């Protein structure tokens, strides 16, 4: 069984993330979406809220996708899952440099786990969770960047 791991903070999950997930499920038998606990970054949503939000957004893939939080080294989590592939999305050249460094380090930690990069659909290349939150805080429209449910959750959090 080919198990893929798509890690991230997903704070919040965007249409770009969903695009990558929809394409990643075609490459693996099972895809685990790993929700990183990164309280140091000051996420808008708690880990439990992000897990619930992502589960709701990927419900149509329930037979192939599992959503799990993690707070360990990525490669340790991948090994625990018996993942053979780490899926990463790329939006722009700026992403590549960071991802290139991370991939090199991860390969040094475990060269049996491959990293696969999927380019974001051009319609989603500008979308970043950080920008979605900033636009929402400034009372801008985020509906074209996230699902209606996520948009409502983000608006409720930034107003609360």
N, C-alpha and C. Protein backbone atom coordinates (compact mmCIF):
# COMPACT_ATOMS: atom_id res chain seq x y z
N UNK A 1 0.86 -1.18 0.00
CA UNK A 1 0.00 0.00 0.00
C UNK A 1 0.89 1.24 0.00
N UNK A 2 0.63 2.14 -0.92
CA UNK A 2 1.39 3.39 -1.00
C UNK A 2 0.69 4.44 -0.14
N UNK A 3 1.34 4.83 0.94
CA UNK A 3 0.78 5.82 1.87
C UNK A 3 1.49 7.14 1.66
N UNK A 4 0.70 8.18 1.44
CA UNK A 4 1.25 9.52 1.29
C UNK A 4 0.92 10.37 2.50
N UNK A 5 1.76 11.32 2.79
CA UNK A 5 1.55 12.25 3.89
C UNK A 5 1.61 13.66 3.34
N UNK A 6 0.54 14.41 3.55
CA UNK A 6 0.50 15.82 3.16
C UNK A 6 0.47 16.64 4.44
N UNK A 7 1.63 17.15 4.88
CA UNK A 7 1.69 17.88 6.15
C UNK A 7 1.49 19.38 5.96
N UNK A 8 1.02 20.03 6.99
CA UNK A 8 0.89 21.47 6.97
C UNK A 8 0.17 21.96 8.21
N UNK A 9 0.05 23.27 8.33
CA UNK A 9 -0.68 23.83 9.45
C UNK A 9 -2.16 23.99 9.11
N UNK A 10 -2.47 24.25 7.84
CA UNK A 10 -3.85 24.37 7.39
C UNK A 10 -4.63 25.33 8.29
N UNK A 11 -4.10 26.53 8.43
CA UNK A 11 -4.69 27.54 9.33
C UNK A 11 -5.09 28.80 8.57
N UNK A 12 -6.16 28.73 7.79
CA UNK A 12 -7.11 27.64 7.53
C UNK A 12 -6.75 26.89 6.24
N UNK A 13 -7.49 25.81 6.00
CA UNK A 13 -7.36 25.08 4.75
C UNK A 13 -7.94 25.94 3.63
N UNK A 14 -7.24 26.02 2.51
CA UNK A 14 -7.65 26.88 1.40
C UNK A 14 -8.03 26.04 0.18
N UNK A 15 -8.54 26.71 -0.84
CA UNK A 15 -8.85 26.02 -2.09
C UNK A 15 -7.57 25.47 -2.73
N UNK A 16 -6.45 26.12 -2.50
CA UNK A 16 -5.18 25.61 -2.99
C UNK A 16 -4.82 24.28 -2.34
N UNK A 17 -5.01 24.19 -1.03
CA UNK A 17 -4.77 22.92 -0.33
C UNK A 17 -5.68 21.84 -0.88
N UNK A 18 -6.95 22.18 -1.07
CA UNK A 18 -7.92 21.19 -1.57
C UNK A 18 -7.56 20.72 -2.98
N UNK A 19 -7.03 21.61 -3.79
CA UNK A 19 -6.57 21.23 -5.12
C UNK A 19 -5.44 20.21 -5.03
N UNK A 20 -4.48 20.46 -4.16
CA UNK A 20 -3.35 19.53 -3.98
C UNK A 20 -3.86 18.18 -3.45
N UNK A 21 -4.78 18.20 -2.50
CA UNK A 21 -5.33 16.97 -1.94
C UNK A 21 -6.05 16.17 -3.03
N UNK A 22 -6.86 16.86 -3.83
CA UNK A 22 -7.60 16.18 -4.89
C UNK A 22 -6.68 15.51 -5.91
N UNK A 23 -5.52 16.07 -6.14
CA UNK A 23 -4.57 15.47 -7.08
C UNK A 23 -3.71 14.42 -6.39
N UNK A 24 -3.40 14.63 -5.11
CA UNK A 24 -2.55 13.67 -4.38
C UNK A 24 -3.25 12.32 -4.20
N UNK A 25 -4.56 12.34 -4.01
CA UNK A 25 -5.27 11.06 -3.80
C UNK A 25 -5.20 10.16 -5.04
N UNK A 26 -4.87 10.73 -6.18
CA UNK A 26 -4.72 9.94 -7.40
C UNK A 26 -3.37 9.22 -7.45
N UNK A 27 -2.45 9.64 -6.58
CA UNK A 27 -1.08 9.10 -6.61
C UNK A 27 -0.81 8.04 -5.55
N UNK A 28 -1.66 7.98 -4.54
CA UNK A 28 -1.42 7.07 -3.42
C UNK A 28 -2.68 6.26 -3.12
N UNK A 29 -2.48 5.18 -2.37
CA UNK A 29 -3.62 4.36 -1.96
C UNK A 29 -4.33 4.98 -0.76
N UNK A 30 -3.55 5.65 0.09
CA UNK A 30 -4.09 6.30 1.28
C UNK A 30 -3.30 7.59 1.49
N UNK A 31 -4.02 8.66 1.79
CA UNK A 31 -3.38 9.95 2.04
C UNK A 31 -3.70 10.39 3.46
N UNK A 32 -2.66 10.64 4.23
CA UNK A 32 -2.84 11.18 5.58
C UNK A 32 -2.53 12.67 5.51
N UNK A 33 -3.47 13.47 5.95
CA UNK A 33 -3.23 14.90 6.04
C UNK A 33 -2.79 15.14 7.48
N UNK A 34 -1.54 15.53 7.62
CA UNK A 34 -0.96 15.76 8.94
C UNK A 34 -1.09 17.22 9.32
N UNK A 35 -1.84 17.47 10.38
CA UNK A 35 -2.05 18.83 10.87
C UNK A 35 -1.01 19.12 11.95
N UNK A 36 -0.06 19.99 11.62
CA UNK A 36 1.03 20.29 12.54
C UNK A 36 0.53 21.14 13.71
N UNK A 37 0.88 20.72 14.89
CA UNK A 37 0.63 21.53 16.09
C UNK A 37 1.77 22.52 16.16
N UNK A 38 1.49 23.76 15.92
CA UNK A 38 2.56 24.76 15.93
C UNK A 38 2.11 26.00 16.68
N UNK A 39 1.88 25.82 17.95
CA UNK A 39 1.39 26.92 18.77
C UNK A 39 2.36 28.11 18.78
N UNK A 40 3.64 27.87 18.49
CA UNK A 40 4.61 28.96 18.45
C UNK A 40 4.31 29.98 17.35
N UNK A 41 3.66 29.52 16.28
CA UNK A 41 3.32 30.41 15.17
C UNK A 41 2.07 31.24 15.47
N UNK A 42 1.39 30.96 16.57
CA UNK A 42 0.19 31.70 16.93
C UNK A 42 -0.94 31.50 15.93
N UNK A 43 -1.35 30.24 15.72
CA UNK A 43 -2.40 29.98 14.74
C UNK A 43 -3.73 30.63 15.14
N UNK A 44 -4.53 30.95 14.14
CA UNK A 44 -5.86 31.51 14.38
C UNK A 44 -6.77 30.45 15.00
N UNK A 45 -6.65 29.22 14.50
CA UNK A 45 -7.48 28.11 14.97
C UNK A 45 -6.65 27.15 15.81
N UNK A 46 -7.27 26.55 16.81
CA UNK A 46 -6.59 25.53 17.60
C UNK A 46 -6.34 24.31 16.73
N UNK A 47 -5.50 23.43 17.20
CA UNK A 47 -5.24 22.20 16.45
C UNK A 47 -6.53 21.41 16.26
N UNK A 48 -7.32 21.27 17.32
CA UNK A 48 -8.58 20.53 17.20
C UNK A 48 -9.53 21.17 16.20
N UNK A 49 -9.58 22.50 16.19
CA UNK A 49 -10.44 23.19 15.22
C UNK A 49 -9.95 22.96 13.79
N UNK A 50 -8.64 22.99 13.59
CA UNK A 50 -8.09 22.77 12.26
C UNK A 50 -8.33 21.34 11.79
N UNK A 51 -8.18 20.38 12.68
CA UNK A 51 -8.45 18.98 12.34
C UNK A 51 -9.91 18.83 11.92
N UNK A 52 -10.82 19.38 12.71
CA UNK A 52 -12.25 19.28 12.39
C UNK A 52 -12.57 19.97 11.06
N UNK A 53 -11.98 21.13 10.84
CA UNK A 53 -12.23 21.88 9.60
C UNK A 53 -11.73 21.09 8.39
N UNK A 54 -10.54 20.54 8.49
CA UNK A 54 -9.99 19.78 7.37
C UNK A 54 -10.81 18.52 7.14
N UNK A 55 -11.21 17.83 8.20
CA UNK A 55 -12.04 16.63 8.04
C UNK A 55 -13.34 16.96 7.30
N UNK A 56 -13.96 18.07 7.65
CA UNK A 56 -15.20 18.47 6.98
C UNK A 56 -14.94 18.76 5.50
N UNK A 57 -13.82 19.40 5.21
CA UNK A 57 -13.51 19.78 3.83
C UNK A 57 -13.13 18.59 2.94
N UNK A 58 -12.60 17.53 3.53
CA UNK A 58 -12.17 16.38 2.72
C UNK A 58 -13.11 15.18 2.87
N UNK A 59 -14.30 15.42 3.39
CA UNK A 59 -15.25 14.33 3.63
C UNK A 59 -15.52 13.51 2.36
N UNK A 60 -15.48 14.15 1.20
CA UNK A 60 -15.76 13.42 -0.05
C UNK A 60 -14.66 12.41 -0.37
N UNK A 61 -13.51 12.53 0.28
CA UNK A 61 -12.41 11.59 0.08
C UNK A 61 -12.26 10.63 1.27
N UNK A 62 -13.30 10.50 2.08
CA UNK A 62 -13.20 9.75 3.35
C UNK A 62 -12.69 8.33 3.17
N UNK A 63 -12.91 7.71 2.03
CA UNK A 63 -12.45 6.34 1.83
C UNK A 63 -10.94 6.25 1.59
N UNK A 64 -10.31 7.38 1.30
CA UNK A 64 -8.88 7.39 0.98
C UNK A 64 -8.07 8.29 1.92
N UNK A 65 -8.71 9.27 2.53
CA UNK A 65 -8.01 10.29 3.31
C UNK A 65 -8.28 10.15 4.80
N UNK A 66 -7.22 10.33 5.57
CA UNK A 66 -7.30 10.37 7.03
C UNK A 66 -6.67 11.68 7.47
N UNK A 67 -7.23 12.32 8.49
CA UNK A 67 -6.69 13.58 9.00
C UNK A 67 -6.22 13.33 10.43
N UNK A 68 -4.94 13.65 10.68
CA UNK A 68 -4.37 13.43 12.00
C UNK A 68 -3.47 14.57 12.41
N UNK A 69 -3.56 14.98 13.67
CA UNK A 69 -2.61 15.99 14.17
C UNK A 69 -1.28 15.33 14.49
N UNK A 70 -0.22 16.15 14.45
CA UNK A 70 1.08 15.63 14.88
C UNK A 70 1.91 16.77 15.46
N UNK A 71 2.81 16.41 16.38
CA UNK A 71 3.67 17.42 16.98
C UNK A 71 5.11 16.93 17.08
N UNK A 72 5.43 15.97 16.24
CA UNK A 72 6.79 15.42 16.23
C UNK A 72 7.52 15.89 14.98
N UNK A 73 8.75 15.47 14.86
CA UNK A 73 9.51 15.71 13.64
C UNK A 73 8.74 15.07 12.48
N UNK A 74 8.65 15.76 11.37
CA UNK A 74 7.87 15.27 10.23
C UNK A 74 8.29 13.86 9.83
N UNK A 75 9.57 13.61 9.76
CA UNK A 75 10.03 12.29 9.32
C UNK A 75 9.68 11.21 10.33
N UNK A 76 9.65 11.54 11.61
CA UNK A 76 9.22 10.55 12.60
C UNK A 76 7.75 10.22 12.41
N UNK A 77 6.93 11.24 12.14
CA UNK A 77 5.50 11.02 11.90
C UNK A 77 5.32 10.18 10.64
N UNK A 78 6.05 10.49 9.59
CA UNK A 78 5.97 9.73 8.34
C UNK A 78 6.35 8.26 8.57
N UNK A 79 7.38 8.03 9.34
CA UNK A 79 7.81 6.66 9.65
C UNK A 79 6.73 5.93 10.45
N UNK A 80 6.13 6.62 11.41
CA UNK A 80 5.06 6.03 12.22
C UNK A 80 3.90 5.58 11.32
N UNK A 81 3.61 6.35 10.29
CA UNK A 81 2.51 6.04 9.38
C UNK A 81 2.89 5.00 8.32
N UNK A 82 4.18 4.70 8.22
CA UNK A 82 4.71 3.86 7.14
C UNK A 82 4.50 4.53 5.78
N UNK A 83 4.60 5.85 5.79
CA UNK A 83 4.45 6.62 4.55
C UNK A 83 5.66 6.39 3.66
N UNK A 84 5.41 6.34 2.37
CA UNK A 84 6.50 6.22 1.40
C UNK A 84 6.69 7.52 0.64
N UNK A 85 5.71 8.42 0.76
CA UNK A 85 5.73 9.67 0.00
C UNK A 85 5.26 10.82 0.87
N UNK A 86 5.97 11.92 0.80
CA UNK A 86 5.50 13.17 1.40
C UNK A 86 5.08 14.06 0.25
N UNK A 87 3.87 14.58 0.33
CA UNK A 87 3.32 15.44 -0.71
C UNK A 87 3.46 16.89 -0.27
N UNK A 88 3.99 17.71 -1.16
CA UNK A 88 4.11 19.13 -0.89
C UNK A 88 3.58 19.91 -2.08
N UNK A 89 2.95 21.02 -1.81
CA UNK A 89 2.46 21.88 -2.87
C UNK A 89 3.41 23.04 -3.08
N UNK A 90 3.56 23.44 -4.32
CA UNK A 90 4.39 24.59 -4.66
C UNK A 90 3.52 25.63 -5.35
N UNK A 91 3.64 26.88 -4.88
CA UNK A 91 2.90 27.97 -5.51
C UNK A 91 3.80 28.83 -6.37
N UNK A 92 4.99 29.11 -5.88
CA UNK A 92 5.87 30.05 -6.57
C UNK A 92 7.32 29.68 -6.32
N UNK A 93 8.21 30.39 -6.97
CA UNK A 93 9.65 30.14 -6.83
C UNK A 93 10.07 30.29 -5.37
N UNK A 94 9.48 31.23 -4.66
CA UNK A 94 9.82 31.44 -3.25
C UNK A 94 9.57 30.18 -2.43
N UNK A 95 8.52 29.44 -2.72
CA UNK A 95 8.25 28.18 -2.03
C UNK A 95 9.35 27.17 -2.30
N UNK A 96 9.86 27.18 -3.53
CA UNK A 96 10.82 26.16 -3.93
C UNK A 96 12.08 26.17 -3.08
N UNK A 97 12.62 27.33 -2.80
CA UNK A 97 13.87 27.39 -2.03
C UNK A 97 13.69 26.78 -0.64
N UNK A 98 12.61 27.14 0.04
CA UNK A 98 12.33 26.57 1.36
C UNK A 98 12.12 25.06 1.25
N UNK A 99 11.30 24.64 0.31
CA UNK A 99 10.99 23.21 0.15
C UNK A 99 12.23 22.42 -0.24
N UNK A 100 13.11 23.02 -1.05
CA UNK A 100 14.34 22.37 -1.46
C UNK A 100 15.20 22.05 -0.23
N UNK A 101 15.32 23.02 0.68
CA UNK A 101 16.10 22.81 1.90
C UNK A 101 15.46 21.74 2.78
N UNK A 102 14.15 21.82 2.94
CA UNK A 102 13.45 20.84 3.79
C UNK A 102 13.58 19.43 3.22
N UNK A 103 13.44 19.31 1.91
CA UNK A 103 13.55 18.00 1.28
C UNK A 103 14.94 17.41 1.47
N UNK A 104 15.96 18.24 1.31
CA UNK A 104 17.33 17.77 1.50
C UNK A 104 17.55 17.27 2.93
N UNK A 105 17.05 18.02 3.89
CA UNK A 105 17.20 17.60 5.29
C UNK A 105 16.41 16.33 5.56
N UNK A 106 15.18 16.26 5.07
CA UNK A 106 14.36 15.07 5.29
C UNK A 106 14.99 13.84 4.65
N UNK A 107 15.58 14.01 3.48
CA UNK A 107 16.22 12.88 2.82
C UNK A 107 17.42 12.39 3.62
N UNK A 108 18.11 13.30 4.27
CA UNK A 108 19.23 12.90 5.12
C UNK A 108 18.73 12.10 6.33
N UNK A 109 17.52 12.43 6.79
CA UNK A 109 16.96 11.73 7.95
C UNK A 109 16.41 10.35 7.56
N UNK A 110 15.83 10.25 6.35
CA UNK A 110 15.30 8.97 5.89
C UNK A 110 15.18 9.02 4.37
N UNK A 111 16.12 8.38 3.70
CA UNK A 111 16.11 8.45 2.24
C UNK A 111 15.19 7.42 1.59
N UNK A 112 14.43 6.68 2.40
CA UNK A 112 13.43 5.75 1.85
C UNK A 112 12.10 6.45 1.57
N UNK A 113 11.93 7.66 2.11
CA UNK A 113 10.69 8.40 1.93
C UNK A 113 10.93 9.49 0.89
N UNK A 114 10.19 9.42 -0.19
CA UNK A 114 10.33 10.39 -1.28
C UNK A 114 9.43 11.60 -1.03
N UNK A 115 9.85 12.74 -1.51
CA UNK A 115 9.03 13.94 -1.48
C UNK A 115 8.57 14.22 -2.90
N UNK A 116 7.26 14.41 -3.07
CA UNK A 116 6.67 14.70 -4.37
C UNK A 116 6.08 16.09 -4.31
N UNK A 117 6.42 16.91 -5.31
CA UNK A 117 5.91 18.28 -5.37
C UNK A 117 4.82 18.37 -6.42
N UNK A 118 3.72 18.96 -6.03
CA UNK A 118 2.63 19.22 -6.97
C UNK A 118 2.50 20.73 -7.11
N UNK A 119 2.52 21.18 -8.34
CA UNK A 119 2.34 22.62 -8.59
C UNK A 119 0.89 22.98 -8.37
N UNK A 120 0.68 24.09 -7.72
CA UNK A 120 -0.68 24.58 -7.50
C UNK A 120 -1.29 24.95 -8.84
N UNK A 121 -2.57 24.71 -8.95
CA UNK A 121 -3.33 25.16 -10.12
C UNK A 121 -3.13 26.68 -10.23
N UNK A 122 -2.93 27.21 -11.42
CA UNK A 122 -2.70 28.66 -11.55
C UNK A 122 -3.77 29.52 -10.88
N UNK A 123 -5.00 29.04 -10.81
CA UNK A 123 -6.06 29.81 -10.14
C UNK A 123 -5.81 29.95 -8.65
N UNK A 124 -4.98 29.07 -8.09
CA UNK A 124 -4.77 29.05 -6.64
C UNK A 124 -3.36 29.45 -6.22
N UNK A 125 -2.51 29.83 -7.16
CA UNK A 125 -1.10 30.06 -6.84
C UNK A 125 -0.88 31.22 -5.87
N UNK A 126 -1.74 32.18 -5.86
CA UNK A 126 -1.55 33.33 -4.97
C UNK A 126 -2.13 33.11 -3.57
N UNK A 127 -2.87 32.03 -3.39
CA UNK A 127 -3.55 31.81 -2.12
C UNK A 127 -2.58 31.30 -1.06
N UNK A 128 -2.57 31.98 0.07
CA UNK A 128 -1.80 31.56 1.24
C UNK A 128 -2.69 31.77 2.46
N UNK A 129 -2.67 30.82 3.36
CA UNK A 129 -3.48 30.92 4.57
C UNK A 129 -3.23 32.24 5.30
N UNK A 130 -1.97 32.63 5.37
CA UNK A 130 -1.60 33.88 6.05
C UNK A 130 -2.32 35.07 5.41
N UNK A 131 -2.38 35.10 4.09
CA UNK A 131 -3.05 36.21 3.40
C UNK A 131 -4.56 36.16 3.56
N UNK A 132 -5.12 34.96 3.57
CA UNK A 132 -6.56 34.81 3.79
C UNK A 132 -6.94 35.41 5.14
N UNK A 133 -6.15 35.12 6.17
CA UNK A 133 -6.43 35.66 7.51
C UNK A 133 -6.29 37.17 7.52
N UNK A 134 -5.27 37.68 6.86
CA UNK A 134 -5.05 39.13 6.84
C UNK A 134 -6.18 39.84 6.11
N UNK A 135 -6.60 39.31 4.99
CA UNK A 135 -7.71 39.91 4.23
C UNK A 135 -8.98 39.90 5.08
N UNK A 136 -9.24 38.78 5.77
CA UNK A 136 -10.43 38.69 6.62
C UNK A 136 -10.36 39.69 7.77
N UNK A 137 -9.19 39.85 8.38
CA UNK A 137 -9.04 40.80 9.49
C UNK A 137 -9.34 42.23 9.04
N UNK A 138 -9.04 42.51 7.77
CA UNK A 138 -9.28 43.85 7.23
C UNK A 138 -10.63 43.95 6.53
N UNK A 139 -11.49 42.97 6.82
CA UNK A 139 -12.87 42.94 6.33
C UNK A 139 -12.97 42.81 4.80
N UNK A 140 -12.01 42.11 4.21
CA UNK A 140 -12.04 41.87 2.77
C UNK A 140 -12.74 40.55 2.46
N UNK A 141 -13.06 40.35 1.20
CA UNK A 141 -13.76 39.14 0.74
C UNK A 141 -12.75 38.00 0.56
N UNK A 142 -13.03 36.88 1.22
CA UNK A 142 -12.15 35.71 1.13
C UNK A 142 -12.84 34.53 0.45
N UNK A 143 -14.04 34.74 -0.01
CA UNK A 143 -14.86 33.64 -0.53
C UNK A 143 -14.28 32.93 -1.75
N UNK A 144 -13.44 33.57 -2.50
CA UNK A 144 -12.85 32.90 -3.66
C UNK A 144 -11.58 32.12 -3.30
N UNK A 145 -11.15 32.21 -2.05
CA UNK A 145 -9.92 31.54 -1.62
C UNK A 145 -10.16 30.31 -0.77
N UNK A 146 -11.33 30.24 -0.14
CA UNK A 146 -11.67 29.14 0.77
C UNK A 146 -13.13 28.74 0.54
N UNK A 147 -13.50 27.60 1.07
CA UNK A 147 -14.89 27.14 0.95
C UNK A 147 -15.81 28.04 1.77
N UNK A 148 -17.11 28.00 1.51
CA UNK A 148 -18.03 28.81 2.31
C UNK A 148 -17.96 28.52 3.82
N UNK A 149 -17.82 27.26 4.19
CA UNK A 149 -17.73 26.91 5.60
C UNK A 149 -16.48 27.46 6.26
N UNK A 150 -15.37 27.38 5.57
CA UNK A 150 -14.11 27.91 6.09
C UNK A 150 -14.18 29.43 6.16
N UNK A 151 -14.76 30.06 5.13
CA UNK A 151 -14.89 31.53 5.13
C UNK A 151 -15.68 31.99 6.36
N UNK A 152 -16.77 31.29 6.65
CA UNK A 152 -17.60 31.67 7.81
C UNK A 152 -16.81 31.49 9.11
N UNK A 153 -16.07 30.40 9.20
CA UNK A 153 -15.27 30.13 10.42
C UNK A 153 -14.18 31.20 10.60
N UNK A 154 -13.53 31.57 9.52
CA UNK A 154 -12.47 32.59 9.60
C UNK A 154 -13.07 33.92 10.02
N UNK A 155 -14.18 34.31 9.37
CA UNK A 155 -14.81 35.58 9.72
C UNK A 155 -15.25 35.61 11.20
N UNK A 156 -15.78 34.49 11.67
CA UNK A 156 -16.21 34.42 13.07
C UNK A 156 -15.02 34.56 14.02
N UNK A 157 -13.90 33.95 13.68
CA UNK A 157 -12.71 34.02 14.54
C UNK A 157 -12.11 35.42 14.56
N UNK A 158 -12.02 36.06 13.40
CA UNK A 158 -11.36 37.37 13.38
C UNK A 158 -12.26 38.45 13.99
N UNK A 159 -13.57 38.23 13.99
CA UNK A 159 -14.49 39.20 14.61
C UNK A 159 -14.60 38.99 16.10
N UNK A 160 -14.35 37.74 16.54
CA UNK A 160 -14.54 37.37 17.95
C UNK A 160 -13.44 37.81 18.80
